[in-house]
Protein backbone atom coordinates (compact mmCIF):
# COMPACT_ATOMS: atom_id res chain seq x y z
CA MET A 1 48.73 15.19 -22.84
CA PRO A 2 45.51 16.39 -21.19
CA ASP A 3 45.45 19.81 -19.61
CA SER A 4 45.10 20.28 -15.85
CA SER A 5 41.32 20.69 -16.03
CA GLU A 6 40.86 17.41 -17.94
CA ALA A 7 43.17 15.61 -15.54
CA ASN A 8 41.23 16.99 -12.55
CA ILE A 9 37.93 15.84 -14.05
CA ALA A 10 39.33 12.37 -14.71
CA ALA A 11 40.73 12.15 -11.18
CA ALA A 12 37.46 13.38 -9.67
CA ASP A 13 35.49 10.86 -11.74
CA ALA A 14 37.76 8.02 -10.59
CA LEU A 15 37.50 9.12 -6.95
CA THR A 16 33.71 9.30 -7.29
CA LEU A 17 33.63 5.67 -8.44
CA LEU A 18 35.85 4.67 -5.52
CA LEU A 19 33.56 6.58 -3.16
CA HIS A 20 30.53 4.70 -4.52
CA ASN A 21 32.41 1.43 -3.95
CA GLN A 22 33.25 2.53 -0.44
CA HIS A 23 29.58 3.20 0.31
CA ALA A 24 28.65 -0.23 -1.04
CA ILE A 25 31.31 -1.91 1.10
CA CYS A 26 30.06 -0.04 4.15
CA ALA A 27 26.48 -1.17 3.46
CA ALA A 28 27.65 -4.78 3.17
CA ILE A 29 29.62 -4.53 6.42
CA GLU A 30 26.57 -3.05 8.09
CA GLU A 31 24.50 -6.09 7.08
CA VAL A 32 27.19 -8.46 8.34
CA THR A 33 27.45 -6.46 11.57
CA LYS A 34 23.72 -6.84 12.19
CA TRP A 35 23.92 -10.58 11.52
CA LEU A 36 26.91 -10.95 13.86
CA SER A 37 25.18 -9.00 16.59
CA ASP A 38 21.94 -10.98 16.19
CA ASN A 39 23.85 -14.26 16.37
CA GLY A 40 25.87 -13.66 19.49
CA ALA A 41 29.18 -12.59 17.99
CA ARG A 42 29.19 -9.18 19.64
CA SER A 43 32.97 -8.74 19.70
CA SER A 44 33.15 -9.36 15.96
CA ALA A 45 30.25 -6.94 15.45
CA VAL A 46 32.17 -4.28 17.37
CA ASN A 47 35.20 -4.81 15.12
CA ALA A 48 32.96 -4.44 12.06
CA GLU A 49 31.49 -1.23 13.51
CA THR A 50 35.01 0.14 13.91
CA ALA A 51 35.72 -0.68 10.27
CA MET A 52 32.57 1.18 9.25
CA GLU A 53 33.67 4.23 11.26
CA THR A 54 36.98 4.22 9.39
CA LEU A 55 35.14 3.97 6.05
CA ASP A 56 32.96 6.93 7.04
CA ILE A 57 35.95 9.07 8.01
CA ASN A 58 37.79 8.22 4.80
CA ALA A 59 34.65 8.80 2.72
CA GLN A 60 34.57 12.38 3.96
CA GLY A 61 38.20 12.85 2.94
CA ILE A 62 37.49 11.45 -0.52
CA THR A 63 34.44 13.71 -0.86
CA ASP A 64 36.54 16.74 0.08
CA ALA A 65 39.17 15.79 -2.51
CA ILE A 66 36.51 15.36 -5.20
CA LEU A 67 35.10 18.79 -4.45
CA ARG A 68 38.56 20.41 -4.56
CA LEU A 69 39.29 18.77 -7.92
CA ARG A 70 35.95 19.75 -9.41
CA HIS A 71 36.35 23.37 -8.29
CA SER A 72 39.92 23.81 -9.49
């Protein structure tokens, strides 16, 4: 069984990959949001912007957790 330090590193590494995925998803939503806005679907664009805000908030929480794991 890995010690606490090894487990923290593994968890931080996994969270880092999830954070990278989250950034990629946000970038894709941003492109779709621009397309929606440019093509007259403003209400859908607003919904997509709200989703991006949620991703940003959660990304900060994931970043904080990664830092705590890496420093413990």
